[in-house]
PDB file of N, CA and C in Angstrom:
ATOM      1  N   MET A   1      -8.533   3.235   3.956  1.00  0.00           N
ATOM      2  CA  MET A   1      -7.312   3.249   3.114  1.00  0.00           C
ATOM      3  C   MET A   1      -6.723   2.314   3.550  1.00  0.00           C
ATOM      4  N   LYS A   2      -6.006   2.212   4.597  1.00  0.00           N
ATOM      5  CA  LYS A   2      -5.325   1.524   4.844  1.00  0.00           C
ATOM      6  C   LYS A   2      -5.974  -0.234   5.159  1.00  0.00           C
ATOM      7  N   GLU A   3      -7.318  -0.431   5.336  1.00  0.00           N
ATOM      8  CA  GLU A   3      -7.682  -1.631   4.641  1.00  0.00           C
ATOM      9  C   GLU A   3      -7.203  -2.215   3.580  1.00  0.00           C
ATOM     10  N   LEU A   4      -7.518  -1.106   2.454  1.00  0.00           N
ATOM     11  CA  LEU A   4      -7.646  -1.915   1.187  1.00  0.00           C
ATOM     12  C   LEU A   4      -6.401  -1.706   0.810  1.00  0.00           C
ATOM     13  N   VAL A   5      -5.255  -1.289   1.280  1.00  0.00           N
ATOM     14  CA  VAL A   5      -4.156  -1.583   1.348  1.00  0.00           C
ATOM     15  C   VAL A   5      -3.440  -3.081   1.989  1.00  0.00           C
ATOM     16  N   GLU A   6      -3.916  -3.399   2.695  1.00  0.00           N
ATOM     17  CA  GLU A   6      -3.528  -4.421   4.162  1.00  0.00           C
ATOM     18  C   GLU A   6      -3.702  -5.752   2.970  1.00  0.00           C
ATOM     19  N   VAL A   7      -5.129  -5.867   2.557  1.00  0.00           N
ATOM     20  CA  VAL A   7      -6.203  -6.441   1.777  1.00  0.00           C
ATOM     21  C   VAL A   7      -5.236  -6.916   0.556  1.00  0.00           C
ATOM     22  N   VAL A   8      -4.787  -5.785  -0.110  1.00  0.00           N
ATOM     23  CA  VAL A   8      -4.285  -5.980  -1.082  1.00  0.00           C
ATOM     24  C   VAL A   8      -3.242  -7.028  -1.161  1.00  0.00           C
ATOM     25  N   ALA A   9      -1.899  -6.494  -0.474  1.00  0.00           N
ATOM     26  CA  ALA A   9      -0.979  -6.797   0.446  1.00  0.00           C
ATOM     27  C   ALA A   9      -1.010  -8.452   0.404  1.00  0.00           C
ATOM     28  N   LYS A  10      -1.370  -8.576   1.362  1.00  0.00           N
ATOM     29  CA  LYS A  10      -2.092 -10.038   2.249  1.00  0.00           C
ATOM     30  C   LYS A  10      -1.903 -10.639   1.053  1.00  0.00           C
ATOM     31  N   ALA A  11      -3.115 -10.506  -0.117  1.00  0.00           N
ATOM     32  CA  ALA A  11      -3.290 -11.390  -1.248  1.00  0.00           C
ATOM     33  C   ALA A  11      -2.078 -11.848  -1.949  1.00  0.00           C
ATOM     34  N   LEU A  12      -1.154 -10.657  -2.183  1.00  0.00           N
ATOM     35  CA  LEU A  12       0.217 -11.084  -3.000  1.00  0.00           C
ATOM     36  C   LEU A  12       1.451 -11.789  -2.489  1.00  0.00           C
ATOM     37  N   VAL A  13       1.341 -11.996  -0.523  1.00  0.00           N
ATOM     38  CA  VAL A  13       2.420 -12.101  -0.344  1.00  0.00           C
ATOM     39  C   VAL A  13       2.488 -13.622   0.350  1.00  0.00           C
ATOM     40  N   ASP A  14       3.535 -14.490  -0.001  1.00  0.00           N
ATOM     41  CA  ASP A  14       3.819 -15.630   1.075  1.00  0.00           C
ATOM     42  C   ASP A  14       3.499 -15.530   2.660  1.00  0.00           C
ATOM     43  N   ASN A  15       3.927 -14.570   3.495  1.00  0.00           N
ATOM     44  CA  ASN A  15       3.673 -14.455   4.867  1.00  0.00           C
ATOM     45  C   ASN A  15       2.747 -13.007   4.973  1.00  0.00           C
ATOM     46  N   PRO A  16       1.216 -13.187   5.055  1.00  0.00           N
ATOM     47  CA  PRO A  16       0.422 -12.553   4.811  1.00  0.00           C
ATOM     48  C   PRO A  16       0.460 -12.175   6.861  1.00  0.00           C
ATOM     49  N   ASP A  17       0.901 -12.762   7.917  1.00  0.00           N
ATOM     50  CA  ASP A  17       0.949 -12.530   8.839  1.00  0.00           C
ATOM     51  C   ASP A  17       2.582 -11.107   9.074  1.00  0.00           C
ATOM     52  N   GLU A  18       3.066 -11.294   8.501  1.00  0.00           N
ATOM     53  CA  GLU A  18       4.123 -10.149   8.526  1.00  0.00           C
ATOM     54  C   GLU A  18       3.796  -9.200   7.538  1.00  0.00           C
ATOM     55  N   VAL A  19       2.853  -8.693   7.205  1.00  0.00           N
ATOM     56  CA  VAL A  19       2.057  -7.583   6.723  1.00  0.00           C
ATOM     57  C   VAL A  19       1.687  -6.467   7.703  1.00  0.00           C
ATOM     58  N   VAL A  20       2.463  -5.426   7.656  1.00  0.00           N
ATOM     59  CA  VAL A  20       2.127  -4.245   8.591  1.00  0.00           C
ATOM     60  C   VAL A  20       1.830  -2.949   7.785  1.00  0.00           C
ATOM     61  N   VAL A  21       0.658  -2.401   7.925  1.00  0.00           N
ATOM     62  CA  VAL A  21      -0.050  -1.305   7.326  1.00  0.00           C
ATOM     63  C   VAL A  21      -0.098  -0.022   8.314  1.00  0.00           C
ATOM     64  N   THR A  22       0.541   0.592   8.376  1.00  0.00           N
ATOM     65  CA  THR A  22       0.718   1.996   9.027  1.00  0.00           C
ATOM     66  C   THR A  22      -0.308   3.087   8.272  1.00  0.00           C
ATOM     67  N   GLU A  23      -0.795   4.158   9.152  1.00  0.00           N
ATOM     68  CA  GLU A  23      -1.543   4.767   8.635  1.00  0.00           C
ATOM     69  C   GLU A  23      -1.346   6.712   9.172  1.00  0.00           C
ATOM     70  N   LYS A  24      -0.141   7.779   8.211  1.00  0.00           N
ATOM     71  CA  LYS A  24       0.375   8.961   9.540  1.00  0.00           C
ATOM     72  C   LYS A  24      -0.572  10.201   8.360  1.00  0.00           C
ATOM     73  N   ASN A  25      -1.601  10.848   9.186  1.00  0.00           N
ATOM     74  CA  ASN A  25      -2.196  11.798   8.722  1.00  0.00           C
ATOM     75  C   ASN A  25      -1.340  13.127   8.499  1.00  0.00           C
ATOM     76  N   GLU A  26      -1.217  13.856   7.734  1.00  0.00           N
ATOM     77  CA  GLU A  26      -0.140  15.360   8.016  1.00  0.00           C
ATOM     78  C   GLU A  26      -1.378  15.924   7.388  1.00  0.00           C
ATOM     79  N   GLY A  27      -2.014  16.515   7.881  1.00  0.00           N
ATOM     80  CA  GLY A  27      -3.083  17.863   7.106  1.00  0.00           C
ATOM     81  C   GLY A  27      -3.946  17.158   6.541  1.00  0.00           C
ATOM     82  N   ARG A  28      -4.016  17.510   5.409  1.00  0.00           N
ATOM     83  CA  ARG A  28      -5.045  16.934   4.363  1.00  0.00           C
ATOM     84  C   ARG A  28      -4.415  15.550   3.585  1.00  0.00           C
ATOM     85  N   ASN A  29      -3.036  15.455   3.944  1.00  0.00           N
ATOM     86  CA  ASN A  29      -2.297  14.507   3.360  1.00  0.00           C
ATOM     87  C   ASN A  29      -2.005  13.305   3.990  1.00  0.00           C
ATOM     88  N   THR A  30      -2.384  12.546   3.664  1.00  0.00           N
ATOM     89  CA  THR A  30      -2.372  10.943   4.456  1.00  0.00           C
ATOM     90  C   THR A  30      -1.058  10.298   3.722  1.00  0.00           C
ATOM     91  N   VAL A  31      -0.497   9.536   4.831  1.00  0.00           N
ATOM     92  CA  VAL A  31       0.887   8.693   4.443  1.00  0.00           C
ATOM     93  C   VAL A  31       0.409   7.433   4.531  1.00  0.00           C
ATOM     94  N   ILE A  32       0.637   6.092   3.469  1.00  0.00           N
ATOM     95  CA  ILE A  32       0.036   4.748   4.095  1.00  0.00           C
ATOM     96  C   ILE A  32       1.830   4.077   3.848  1.00  0.00           C
ATOM     97  N   GLU A  33       2.124   3.761   4.894  1.00  0.00           N
ATOM     98  CA  GLU A  33       3.068   2.534   4.894  1.00  0.00           C
ATOM     99  C   GLU A  33       2.969   1.367   5.068  1.00  0.00           C
ATOM    100  N   LEU A  34       3.700   0.804   4.085  1.00  0.00           N
ATOM    101  CA  LEU A  34       3.346  -0.950   4.000  1.00  0.00           C
ATOM    102  C   LEU A  34       5.066  -1.473   4.724  1.00  0.00           C
ATOM    103  N   HIS A  35       4.882  -2.274   5.411  1.00  0.00           N
ATOM    104  CA  HIS A  35       6.047  -3.048   5.583  1.00  0.00           C
ATOM    105  C   HIS A  35       5.485  -4.780   5.314  1.00  0.00           C
ATOM    106  N   VAL A  36       6.362  -5.325   4.762  1.00  0.00           N
ATOM    107  CA  VAL A  36       6.172  -6.719   4.195  1.00  0.00           C
ATOM    108  C   VAL A  36       8.054  -7.469   4.533  1.00  0.00           C
ATOM    109  N   ALA A  37       7.785  -8.905   4.495  1.00  0.00           N
ATOM    110  CA  ALA A  37       8.402  -9.302   5.257  1.00  0.00           C
ATOM    111  C   ALA A  37       9.963  -9.264   3.794  1.00  0.00           C
ATOM    112  N   ALA A  38      11.187  -9.456   4.101  1.00  0.00           N
ATOM    113  CA  ALA A  38      11.975  -9.184   3.348  1.00  0.00           C
ATOM    114  C   ALA A  38      12.204 -10.159   1.667  1.00  0.00           C
ATOM    115  N   SER A  39      11.521 -11.168   2.328  1.00  0.00           N
ATOM    116  CA  SER A  39      11.467 -12.111   0.753  1.00  0.00           C
ATOM    117  C   SER A  39       9.781 -11.941   0.300  1.00  0.00           C
ATOM    118  N   ASP A  40       9.033 -11.055   0.645  1.00  0.00           N
ATOM    119  CA  ASP A  40       7.742 -10.761  -0.297  1.00  0.00           C
ATOM    120  C   ASP A  40       8.006  -9.268  -1.199  1.00  0.00           C
ATOM    121  N   MET A  41       9.148  -8.813  -0.428  1.00  0.00           N
ATOM    122  CA  MET A  41       9.305  -6.913  -0.904  1.00  0.00           C
ATOM    123  C   MET A  41       9.109  -7.316  -2.420  1.00  0.00           C
ATOM    124  N   GLY A  42      10.128  -8.326  -3.562  1.00  0.00           N
ATOM    125  CA  GLY A  42      10.041  -8.352  -4.808  1.00  0.00           C
ATOM    126  C   GLY A  42       8.548  -8.640  -5.523  1.00  0.00           C
ATOM    127  N   LYS A  43       7.463  -9.836  -4.452  1.00  0.00           N
ATOM    128  CA  LYS A  43       6.421  -9.349  -4.983  1.00  0.00           C
ATOM    129  C   LYS A  43       5.188  -8.270  -5.144  1.00  0.00           C
ATOM    130  N   VAL A  44       5.016  -7.499  -3.936  1.00  0.00           N
ATOM    131  CA  VAL A  44       4.903  -6.431  -3.868  1.00  0.00           C
ATOM    132  C   VAL A  44       5.165  -4.974  -4.797  1.00  0.00           C
ATOM    133  N   ILE A  45       5.933  -5.122  -4.938  1.00  0.00           N
ATOM    134  CA  ILE A  45       6.695  -4.406  -6.050  1.00  0.00           C
ATOM    135  C   ILE A  45       7.016  -4.375  -7.224  1.00  0.00           C
ATOM    136  N   GLY A  46       7.120  -5.827  -7.683  1.00  0.00           N
ATOM    137  CA  GLY A  46       7.023  -6.574  -9.635  1.00  0.00           C
ATOM    138  C   GLY A  46       7.743  -6.025  -9.957  1.00  0.00           C
ATOM    139  N   LYS A  47       7.757  -6.911 -11.361  1.00  0.00           N
ATOM    140  CA  LYS A  47       8.764  -6.181 -12.522  1.00  0.00           C
ATOM    141  C   LYS A  47       8.640  -4.846 -12.745  1.00  0.00           C
ATOM    142  N   GLN A  48       9.884  -4.681 -12.498  1.00  0.00           N
ATOM    143  CA  GLN A  48       9.936  -2.748 -13.171  1.00  0.00           C
ATOM    144  C   GLN A  48       8.913  -1.690 -12.215  1.00  0.00           C
ATOM    145  N   GLY A  49       8.394  -1.908 -11.335  1.00  0.00           N
ATOM    146  CA  GLY A  49       7.203  -1.654 -10.261  1.00  0.00           C
ATOM    147  C   GLY A  49       6.127  -1.926 -10.794  1.00  0.00           C
ATOM    148  N   ARG A  50       5.474  -2.466 -11.813  1.00  0.00           N
ATOM    149  CA  ARG A  50       4.308  -2.244 -11.921  1.00  0.00           C
ATOM    150  C   ARG A  50       3.105  -2.645 -10.578  1.00  0.00           C
ATOM    151  N   ILE A  51       3.490  -3.675 -10.077  1.00  0.00           N
ATOM    152  CA  ILE A  51       2.163  -3.890  -8.868  1.00  0.00           C
ATOM    153  C   ILE A  51       2.336  -2.834  -7.712  1.00  0.00           C
ATOM    154  N   ALA A  52       3.400  -2.329  -7.371  1.00  0.00           N
ATOM    155  CA  ALA A  52       3.489  -1.381  -6.793  1.00  0.00           C
ATOM    156  C   ALA A  52       2.750  -0.065  -7.160  1.00  0.00           C
ATOM    157  N   LYS A  53       2.989   0.224  -8.691  1.00  0.00           N
ATOM    158  CA  LYS A  53       2.496   1.389  -9.077  1.00  0.00           C
ATOM    159  C   LYS A  53       0.651   0.907  -9.252  1.00  0.00           C
ATOM    160  N   ALA A  54       0.539   0.313  -9.295  1.00  0.00           N
ATOM    161  CA  ALA A  54      -1.141  -0.568  -9.511  1.00  0.00           C
ATOM    162  C   ALA A  54      -1.739  -0.501  -7.976  1.00  0.00           C
ATOM    163  N   ILE A  55      -0.798  -0.333  -7.122  1.00  0.00           N
ATOM    164  CA  ILE A  55      -1.597  -0.430  -5.804  1.00  0.00           C
ATOM    165  C   ILE A  55      -1.451   0.935  -5.608  1.00  0.00           C
ATOM    166  N   ARG A  56      -0.844   1.571  -5.970  1.00  0.00           N
ATOM    167  CA  ARG A  56      -1.176   3.214  -5.495  1.00  0.00           C
ATOM    168  C   ARG A  56      -2.430   3.834  -6.741  1.00  0.00           C
ATOM    169  N   SER A  57      -2.359   3.483  -7.879  1.00  0.00           N
ATOM    170  CA  SER A  57      -3.681   3.805  -8.420  1.00  0.00           C
ATOM    171  C   SER A  57      -4.965   3.515  -7.546  1.00  0.00           C
ATOM    172  N   VAL A  58      -4.861   2.398  -7.450  1.00  0.00           N
ATOM    173  CA  VAL A  58      -6.221   1.723  -6.608  1.00  0.00           C
ATOM    174  C   VAL A  58      -6.582   2.795  -5.804  1.00  0.00           C
ATOM    175  N   VAL A  59      -5.530   3.256  -5.245  1.00  0.00           N
ATOM    176  CA  VAL A  59      -5.547   3.956  -3.727  1.00  0.00           C
ATOM    177  C   VAL A  59      -6.046   5.035  -3.957  1.00  0.00           C
ATOM    178  N   LYS A  60      -5.494   5.549  -5.147  1.00  0.00           N
ATOM    179  CA  LYS A  60      -5.222   7.255  -5.361  1.00  0.00           C
ATOM    180  C   LYS A  60      -7.054   6.935  -5.766  1.00  0.00           C
ATOM    181  N   ALA A  61      -7.289   6.320  -6.836  1.00  0.00           N
ATOM    182  CA  ALA A  61      -8.592   6.333  -7.085  1.00  0.00           C
ATOM    183  C   ALA A  61      -9.508   6.508  -5.808  1.00  0.00           C
ATOM    184  N   ALA A  62      -9.503   5.653  -5.399  1.00  0.00           N
ATOM    185  CA  ALA A  62      -9.922   5.465  -3.365  1.00  0.00           C
ATOM    186  C   ALA A  62     -10.589   6.762  -2.892  1.00  0.00           C
ATOM    187  N   SER A  63      -9.063   7.219  -2.943  1.00  0.00           N
ATOM    188  CA  SER A  63      -8.891   8.425  -2.163  1.00  0.00           C
ATOM    189  C   SER A  63      -9.766   9.668  -2.853  1.00  0.00           C
ATOM    190  N   THR A  64      -9.617   9.267  -4.128  1.00  0.00           N
ATOM    191  CA  THR A  64     -10.254  10.954  -4.867  1.00  0.00           C
ATOM    192  C   THR A  64     -11.761  10.987  -4.688  1.00  0.00           C
ATOM    193  N   ARG A  65     -12.517  10.105  -4.247  1.00  0.00           N
ATOM    194  CA  ARG A  65     -13.613   9.679  -3.991  1.00  0.00           C
ATOM    195  C   ARG A  65     -14.076  10.630  -3.000  1.00  0.00           C
ATOM    196  N   GLU A  66     -13.304  10.594  -1.400  1.00  0.00           N
ATOM    197  CA  GLU A  66     -13.103  10.859  -0.176  1.00  0.00           C
ATOM    198  C   GLU A  66     -12.641  12.494  -0.592  1.00  0.00           C
ATOM    199  N   ASN A  67     -12.060  13.074  -1.167  1.00  0.00           N
ATOM    200  CA  ASN A  67     -11.717  14.234  -1.432  1.00  0.00           C
ATOM    201  C   ASN A  67     -10.544  14.701  -0.186  1.00  0.00           C
ATOM    202  N   LYS A  68      -9.893  13.349  -0.285  1.00  0.00           N
ATOM    203  CA  LYS A  68      -8.386  13.337   0.106  1.00  0.00           C
ATOM    204  C   LYS A  68      -7.227  12.974  -0.602  1.00  0.00           C
ATOM    205  N   ARG A  69      -6.034  12.967   0.003  1.00  0.00           N
ATOM    206  CA  ARG A  69      -4.254  12.603  -0.840  1.00  0.00           C
ATOM    207  C   ARG A  69      -3.874  11.812  -0.499  1.00  0.00           C
ATOM    208  N   VAL A  70      -3.774  10.477  -0.629  1.00  0.00           N
ATOM    209  CA  VAL A  70      -3.064   9.839  -0.037  1.00  0.00           C
ATOM    210  C   VAL A  70      -1.891   9.045  -0.689  1.00  0.00           C
ATOM    211  N   ASP A  71      -0.565   8.733  -0.247  1.00  0.00           N
ATOM    212  CA  ASP A  71       0.389   8.506  -1.035  1.00  0.00           C
ATOM    213  C   ASP A  71       0.681   7.102  -0.169  1.00  0.00           C
ATOM    214  N   VAL A  72       1.252   5.958  -1.072  1.00  0.00           N
ATOM    215  CA  VAL A  72       1.498   4.594  -0.205  1.00  0.00           C
ATOM    216  C   VAL A  72       3.534   4.672  -0.369  1.00  0.00           C
ATOM    217  N   GLU A  73       3.829   4.375   0.719  1.00  0.00           N
ATOM    218  CA  GLU A  73       5.119   3.624   0.538  1.00  0.00           C
ATOM    219  C   GLU A  73       5.460   2.793   0.955  1.00  0.00           C
ATOM    220  N   ILE A  74       6.207   1.590   0.241  1.00  0.00           N
ATOM    221  CA  ILE A  74       6.666   0.942   0.642  1.00  0.00           C
ATOM    222  C   ILE A  74       7.631   0.510   1.237  1.00  0.00           C
ATOM    223  N   VAL A  75       8.234   0.125   2.524  1.00  0.00           N
ATOM    224  CA  VAL A  75       9.147   0.415   3.350  1.00  0.00           C
ATOM    225  C   VAL A  75       9.801  -1.022   3.260  1.00  0.00           C
TER     226      VAL A  75
END
């Protein structure tokens, strides 16, 4: 899941080398934190949060196949 979020985020931003993705396992749940440059934050979130919702939907669909629960947080 971490690699999926990283690939999508790097495709969206102007500074792909500043994208940092961390993964924390908390039992059956996994939290993926996405860190981007301040200037790229709007591109990752999108108007009214549409891009962020799309990223979360893709990750949720991929995690369902593995019987896991994954949450994406944009920091």
